[in-house]
């Protein structure tokens, strides 16, 4: 990926795993490749890490042989993201309903206690 793009994000976890992504979600083959003619590419004007030390992003692992060879990868990842987003919305609604029911139940106890 183009690490000099202002939309490139990277995070290294305590396990040593590193996440690399495009914050605009325009790199379907992340973390290996950005599209050659990416419409969202903007060169980073200033690097937030003026002094590079041991916190520099580790090198990206070698890309699998399938990267760049199949245009359906992006569509598949978009479909998977849509499924997760739909599930997330219904799970959020379910949790909020449970929390509201719990709040109503606990507020009734205090109301009776005050009488």
N, C-alpha and C. Protein backbone atom coordinates (compact mmCIF):
# COMPACT_ATOMS: atom_id res chain seq x y z
N UNK A 1 0.84 -1.18 0.00
CA UNK A 1 0.00 0.00 0.00
C UNK A 1 0.88 1.24 0.00
N UNK A 2 0.31 2.32 -0.41
CA UNK A 2 1.04 3.59 -0.43
C UNK A 2 1.04 4.19 0.96
N UNK A 3 2.15 4.04 1.65
CA UNK A 3 2.24 4.56 3.00
C UNK A 3 2.39 6.07 3.03
N UNK A 4 2.62 6.69 1.88
CA UNK A 4 2.73 8.15 1.83
C UNK A 4 1.38 8.82 1.56
N UNK A 5 0.30 8.03 1.47
CA UNK A 5 -1.04 8.58 1.26
C UNK A 5 -1.61 9.00 2.62
N UNK A 6 -2.29 10.12 2.65
CA UNK A 6 -2.82 10.61 3.93
C UNK A 6 -3.97 9.75 4.44
N UNK A 7 -4.51 8.85 3.62
CA UNK A 7 -5.60 7.98 4.04
C UNK A 7 -5.12 6.60 4.49
N UNK A 8 -3.81 6.36 4.43
CA UNK A 8 -3.24 5.10 4.90
C UNK A 8 -3.22 5.11 6.42
N UNK A 9 -3.69 4.01 7.03
CA UNK A 9 -3.66 3.87 8.48
C UNK A 9 -3.00 2.55 8.83
N UNK A 10 -2.27 2.56 9.92
CA UNK A 10 -1.59 1.36 10.38
C UNK A 10 -1.64 1.31 11.90
N UNK A 11 -1.81 0.11 12.43
CA UNK A 11 -1.80 -0.08 13.88
C UNK A 11 -1.13 -1.41 14.18
N UNK A 12 -0.19 -1.40 15.11
CA UNK A 12 0.48 -2.62 15.52
C UNK A 12 -0.02 -3.00 16.90
N UNK A 13 -0.45 -4.24 17.05
CA UNK A 13 -1.01 -4.74 18.30
C UNK A 13 0.08 -5.36 19.17
N UNK A 14 -0.17 -5.52 20.46
CA UNK A 14 0.85 -6.10 21.36
C UNK A 14 1.32 -7.49 20.92
N UNK A 15 0.50 -8.21 20.16
CA UNK A 15 0.89 -9.55 19.69
C UNK A 15 1.90 -9.48 18.56
N UNK A 16 2.09 -8.26 18.00
CA UNK A 16 2.99 -8.10 16.87
C UNK A 16 2.27 -8.03 15.54
N UNK A 17 0.96 -8.37 15.53
CA UNK A 17 0.17 -8.26 14.30
C UNK A 17 0.00 -6.80 13.94
N UNK A 18 0.02 -6.51 12.65
CA UNK A 18 -0.13 -5.15 12.18
C UNK A 18 -1.33 -5.06 11.24
N UNK A 19 -2.17 -4.06 11.46
CA UNK A 19 -3.31 -3.79 10.61
C UNK A 19 -2.95 -2.63 9.71
N UNK A 20 -3.18 -2.78 8.41
CA UNK A 20 -2.94 -1.71 7.45
C UNK A 20 -4.21 -1.55 6.63
N UNK A 21 -4.68 -0.31 6.47
CA UNK A 21 -5.91 -0.12 5.71
C UNK A 21 -5.99 1.28 5.14
N UNK A 22 -6.92 1.42 4.22
CA UNK A 22 -7.26 2.73 3.65
C UNK A 22 -8.47 3.24 4.42
N UNK A 23 -8.38 4.44 4.98
CA UNK A 23 -9.50 4.96 5.77
C UNK A 23 -10.70 5.30 4.90
N UNK A 24 -10.53 5.38 3.59
CA UNK A 24 -11.64 5.63 2.66
C UNK A 24 -12.23 4.34 2.11
N UNK A 25 -11.64 3.20 2.49
CA UNK A 25 -12.09 1.89 2.03
C UNK A 25 -12.00 1.77 0.51
N UNK A 26 -10.92 2.30 -0.07
CA UNK A 26 -10.73 2.26 -1.52
C UNK A 26 -9.67 1.25 -1.95
N UNK A 27 -9.15 0.46 -1.03
CA UNK A 27 -8.11 -0.51 -1.36
C UNK A 27 -8.64 -1.92 -1.07
N UNK A 28 -9.33 -2.53 -2.03
CA UNK A 28 -9.93 -3.85 -1.77
C UNK A 28 -8.90 -4.94 -1.51
N UNK A 29 -7.68 -4.75 -1.94
CA UNK A 29 -6.65 -5.77 -1.73
C UNK A 29 -5.67 -5.34 -0.64
N UNK A 30 -6.16 -4.57 0.32
CA UNK A 30 -5.33 -4.16 1.45
C UNK A 30 -4.94 -5.41 2.23
N UNK A 31 -3.80 -5.51 2.77
CA UNK A 31 -2.78 -4.48 2.91
C UNK A 31 -1.72 -4.50 1.82
N UNK A 32 -1.94 -5.25 0.75
CA UNK A 32 -0.88 -5.41 -0.24
C UNK A 32 -0.87 -4.34 -1.31
N UNK A 33 -2.02 -3.98 -1.84
CA UNK A 33 -2.03 -3.07 -2.98
C UNK A 33 -3.14 -2.04 -2.88
N UNK A 34 -2.84 -0.84 -3.35
CA UNK A 34 -3.84 0.18 -3.60
C UNK A 34 -4.10 0.16 -5.10
N UNK A 35 -5.28 0.59 -5.54
CA UNK A 35 -5.50 0.67 -6.99
C UNK A 35 -4.49 1.62 -7.62
N UNK A 36 -4.00 1.31 -8.79
CA UNK A 36 -2.99 2.14 -9.45
C UNK A 36 -3.50 3.54 -9.73
N UNK A 37 -4.78 3.66 -10.07
CA UNK A 37 -5.35 4.97 -10.38
C UNK A 37 -6.35 5.39 -9.30
N UNK A 38 -5.99 5.26 -8.05
CA UNK A 38 -6.89 5.53 -6.93
C UNK A 38 -7.31 6.99 -6.91
N UNK A 39 -8.63 7.22 -6.94
CA UNK A 39 -9.14 8.60 -6.94
C UNK A 39 -8.99 9.28 -5.59
N UNK A 40 -8.78 8.51 -4.52
CA UNK A 40 -8.66 9.09 -3.19
C UNK A 40 -7.24 9.37 -2.75
N UNK A 41 -6.25 9.04 -3.60
CA UNK A 41 -4.85 9.23 -3.21
C UNK A 41 -4.54 10.70 -3.02
N UNK A 42 -4.03 11.03 -1.85
CA UNK A 42 -3.53 12.37 -1.56
C UNK A 42 -2.21 12.19 -0.81
N UNK A 43 -1.18 12.79 -1.32
CA UNK A 43 0.12 12.67 -0.67
C UNK A 43 0.07 13.31 0.71
N UNK A 44 0.61 12.62 1.67
CA UNK A 44 0.66 13.13 3.04
C UNK A 44 1.59 14.35 3.05
N UNK A 45 1.07 15.47 3.53
CA UNK A 45 1.88 16.69 3.50
C UNK A 45 2.93 16.71 4.60
N UNK A 46 2.58 16.22 5.77
CA UNK A 46 3.53 16.17 6.87
C UNK A 46 3.37 14.85 7.57
N UNK A 47 4.45 14.23 7.90
CA UNK A 47 4.40 12.95 8.59
C UNK A 47 4.24 13.21 10.07
N UNK A 48 3.29 12.53 10.69
CA UNK A 48 3.04 12.76 12.12
C UNK A 48 4.20 12.29 12.98
N UNK A 49 4.99 11.37 12.48
CA UNK A 49 6.16 10.87 13.21
C UNK A 49 7.40 11.54 12.65
N UNK A 50 7.66 12.76 13.07
CA UNK A 50 8.79 13.50 12.50
C UNK A 50 10.09 12.75 12.68
N UNK A 51 10.23 12.07 13.77
CA UNK A 51 11.43 11.28 14.01
C UNK A 51 11.04 9.82 14.01
N UNK A 52 11.62 9.04 13.13
CA UNK A 52 11.26 7.63 13.05
C UNK A 52 12.20 6.81 13.92
N UNK A 53 11.59 6.01 14.75
CA UNK A 53 12.36 5.13 15.63
C UNK A 53 11.86 3.71 15.47
N UNK A 54 11.73 3.02 16.59
CA UNK A 54 11.30 1.63 16.54
C UNK A 54 9.81 1.48 16.25
N UNK A 55 9.06 2.60 16.22
CA UNK A 55 7.62 2.52 15.97
C UNK A 55 7.26 2.62 14.50
N UNK A 56 8.22 2.53 13.62
CA UNK A 56 7.96 2.58 12.18
C UNK A 56 7.18 1.32 11.80
N UNK A 57 6.23 1.47 10.89
CA UNK A 57 5.41 0.35 10.45
C UNK A 57 6.28 -0.77 9.92
N UNK A 58 6.10 -2.00 10.44
CA UNK A 58 6.89 -3.12 9.92
C UNK A 58 6.56 -3.37 8.45
N UNK A 59 7.46 -3.99 7.73
CA UNK A 59 7.20 -4.25 6.31
C UNK A 59 5.97 -5.14 6.12
N UNK A 60 5.25 -4.90 5.05
CA UNK A 60 4.08 -5.72 4.72
C UNK A 60 4.53 -7.10 4.31
N UNK A 61 3.85 -8.15 4.79
CA UNK A 61 4.24 -9.51 4.37
C UNK A 61 4.02 -9.69 2.88
N UNK A 62 4.68 -10.67 2.28
CA UNK A 62 4.52 -10.90 0.84
C UNK A 62 3.06 -11.17 0.49
N UNK A 63 2.64 -10.64 -0.66
CA UNK A 63 1.26 -10.82 -1.11
C UNK A 63 1.04 -12.23 -1.63
N UNK A 64 -0.15 -12.79 -1.40
CA UNK A 64 -0.45 -14.10 -1.98
C UNK A 64 -0.50 -14.01 -3.50
N UNK A 65 -0.38 -15.11 -4.16
CA UNK A 65 -0.36 -15.14 -5.62
C UNK A 65 -1.67 -14.64 -6.22
N UNK A 66 -2.77 -14.72 -5.48
CA UNK A 66 -4.07 -14.33 -6.01
C UNK A 66 -4.29 -12.83 -6.04
N UNK A 67 -3.45 -12.04 -5.38
CA UNK A 67 -3.64 -10.59 -5.33
C UNK A 67 -3.39 -9.99 -6.69
N UNK A 68 -4.31 -9.17 -7.12
CA UNK A 68 -4.18 -8.48 -8.40
C UNK A 68 -4.67 -9.27 -9.58
N UNK A 69 -4.99 -10.53 -9.39
CA UNK A 69 -5.39 -11.36 -10.51
C UNK A 69 -6.88 -11.51 -10.68
N UNK A 70 -7.66 -11.10 -9.69
CA UNK A 70 -9.10 -11.33 -9.74
C UNK A 70 -9.85 -10.08 -9.30
N UNK A 71 -10.62 -9.50 -10.19
CA UNK A 71 -11.36 -8.27 -9.88
C UNK A 71 -12.54 -8.52 -8.95
N UNK A 72 -12.92 -9.78 -8.76
CA UNK A 72 -14.08 -10.07 -7.92
C UNK A 72 -13.74 -9.98 -6.42
N UNK A 73 -12.47 -9.85 -6.08
CA UNK A 73 -12.08 -9.78 -4.67
C UNK A 73 -12.73 -8.58 -4.00
N UNK A 74 -12.68 -7.43 -4.64
CA UNK A 74 -13.28 -6.22 -4.08
C UNK A 74 -14.77 -6.37 -3.88
N UNK A 75 -15.46 -6.97 -4.86
CA UNK A 75 -16.91 -7.17 -4.74
C UNK A 75 -17.22 -8.11 -3.59
N UNK A 76 -16.45 -9.18 -3.46
CA UNK A 76 -16.66 -10.14 -2.37
C UNK A 76 -16.47 -9.47 -1.01
N UNK A 77 -15.42 -8.66 -0.87
CA UNK A 77 -15.19 -7.98 0.39
C UNK A 77 -16.28 -6.95 0.69
N UNK A 78 -16.79 -6.28 -0.33
CA UNK A 78 -17.90 -5.33 -0.13
C UNK A 78 -19.15 -6.06 0.33
N UNK A 79 -19.43 -7.23 -0.25
CA UNK A 79 -20.59 -8.01 0.16
C UNK A 79 -20.45 -8.47 1.61
N UNK A 80 -19.24 -8.92 1.97
CA UNK A 80 -19.00 -9.35 3.36
C UNK A 80 -19.17 -8.18 4.32
N UNK A 81 -18.69 -7.01 3.94
CA UNK A 81 -18.83 -5.83 4.79
C UNK A 81 -20.30 -5.45 4.96
N UNK A 82 -21.09 -5.57 3.88
CA UNK A 82 -22.52 -5.28 3.97
C UNK A 82 -23.22 -6.23 4.93
N UNK A 83 -22.85 -7.50 4.89
CA UNK A 83 -23.45 -8.50 5.80
C UNK A 83 -23.13 -8.14 7.24
N UNK A 84 -21.88 -7.81 7.51
CA UNK A 84 -21.47 -7.46 8.88
C UNK A 84 -22.18 -6.19 9.33
N UNK A 85 -22.29 -5.20 8.46
CA UNK A 85 -22.97 -3.95 8.82
C UNK A 85 -24.45 -4.17 9.13
N UNK A 86 -25.11 -5.02 8.33
CA UNK A 86 -26.53 -5.32 8.60
C UNK A 86 -26.67 -6.04 9.93
N UNK A 87 -25.81 -7.00 10.18
CA UNK A 87 -25.87 -7.74 11.45
C UNK A 87 -25.58 -6.81 12.61
N UNK A 88 -24.63 -5.91 12.44
CA UNK A 88 -24.27 -4.97 13.50
C UNK A 88 -25.43 -4.08 13.89
N UNK A 89 -26.19 -3.61 12.90
CA UNK A 89 -27.33 -2.75 13.18
C UNK A 89 -28.40 -3.49 13.97
N UNK A 90 -28.69 -4.73 13.60
CA UNK A 90 -29.72 -5.47 14.32
C UNK A 90 -29.25 -5.85 15.73
N UNK A 91 -27.97 -6.16 15.88
CA UNK A 91 -27.44 -6.49 17.20
C UNK A 91 -27.48 -5.26 18.10
N UNK A 92 -27.11 -4.10 17.55
CA UNK A 92 -27.16 -2.85 18.32
C UNK A 92 -28.58 -2.56 18.77
N UNK A 93 -29.56 -2.72 17.88
CA UNK A 93 -30.96 -2.47 18.24
C UNK A 93 -31.42 -3.43 19.33
N UNK A 94 -31.01 -4.68 19.24
CA UNK A 94 -31.39 -5.68 20.26
C UNK A 94 -30.79 -5.33 21.62
N UNK A 95 -29.53 -4.95 21.66
CA UNK A 95 -28.87 -4.59 22.92
C UNK A 95 -29.51 -3.34 23.52
N UNK A 96 -29.82 -2.36 22.67
CA UNK A 96 -30.46 -1.14 23.17
C UNK A 96 -31.84 -1.44 23.75
N UNK A 97 -32.59 -2.35 23.13
CA UNK A 97 -33.91 -2.73 23.65
C UNK A 97 -33.77 -3.41 25.01
N UNK A 98 -32.77 -4.27 25.15
CA UNK A 98 -32.53 -4.94 26.43
C UNK A 98 -32.15 -3.93 27.51
N UNK A 99 -31.30 -2.98 27.16
CA UNK A 99 -30.89 -1.95 28.12
C UNK A 99 -32.07 -1.09 28.55
N UNK A 100 -32.93 -0.74 27.60
CA UNK A 100 -34.11 0.07 27.91
C UNK A 100 -35.05 -0.69 28.84
N UNK A 101 -35.24 -1.98 28.57
CA UNK A 101 -36.09 -2.80 29.43
C UNK A 101 -35.50 -2.89 30.84
N UNK A 102 -34.20 -3.03 30.93
CA UNK A 102 -33.54 -3.10 32.23
C UNK A 102 -33.69 -1.77 32.97
N UNK A 103 -33.55 -0.65 32.25
CA UNK A 103 -33.70 0.66 32.89
C UNK A 103 -35.12 0.87 33.41
N UNK A 104 -36.11 0.47 32.60
CA UNK A 104 -37.51 0.62 33.03
C UNK A 104 -37.79 -0.22 34.28
N UNK A 105 -37.28 -1.44 34.28
CA UNK A 105 -37.50 -2.34 35.41
C UNK A 105 -36.87 -1.78 36.68
N UNK A 106 -35.64 -1.26 36.58
CA UNK A 106 -34.97 -0.73 37.76
C UNK A 106 -35.59 0.58 38.23
N UNK A 107 -36.14 1.39 37.32
CA UNK A 107 -36.76 2.65 37.73
C UNK A 107 -38.08 2.39 38.46
N UNK A 108 -38.78 1.32 38.14
CA UNK A 108 -40.02 0.97 38.84
C UNK A 108 -39.75 0.62 40.30
N UNK A 109 -38.65 -0.04 40.56
CA UNK A 109 -38.30 -0.42 41.94
C UNK A 109 -38.08 0.83 42.78
N UNK A 110 -37.39 1.80 42.26
CA UNK A 110 -37.14 3.02 43.01
C UNK A 110 -38.41 3.82 43.24
N UNK A 111 -39.31 3.79 42.27
CA UNK A 111 -40.56 4.52 42.41
C UNK A 111 -41.38 3.92 43.56
N UNK A 112 -41.46 2.57 43.61
CA UNK A 112 -42.20 1.91 44.68
C UNK A 112 -41.53 2.13 46.02
N UNK A 113 -40.23 2.17 46.02
CA UNK A 113 -39.47 2.34 47.26
C UNK A 113 -39.75 3.70 47.89
N UNK A 114 -39.97 4.72 47.07
CA UNK A 114 -40.20 6.08 47.56
C UNK A 114 -41.58 6.30 48.13
N UNK A 115 -42.52 5.39 47.95
CA UNK A 115 -43.90 5.58 48.45
C UNK A 115 -44.02 5.35 49.90
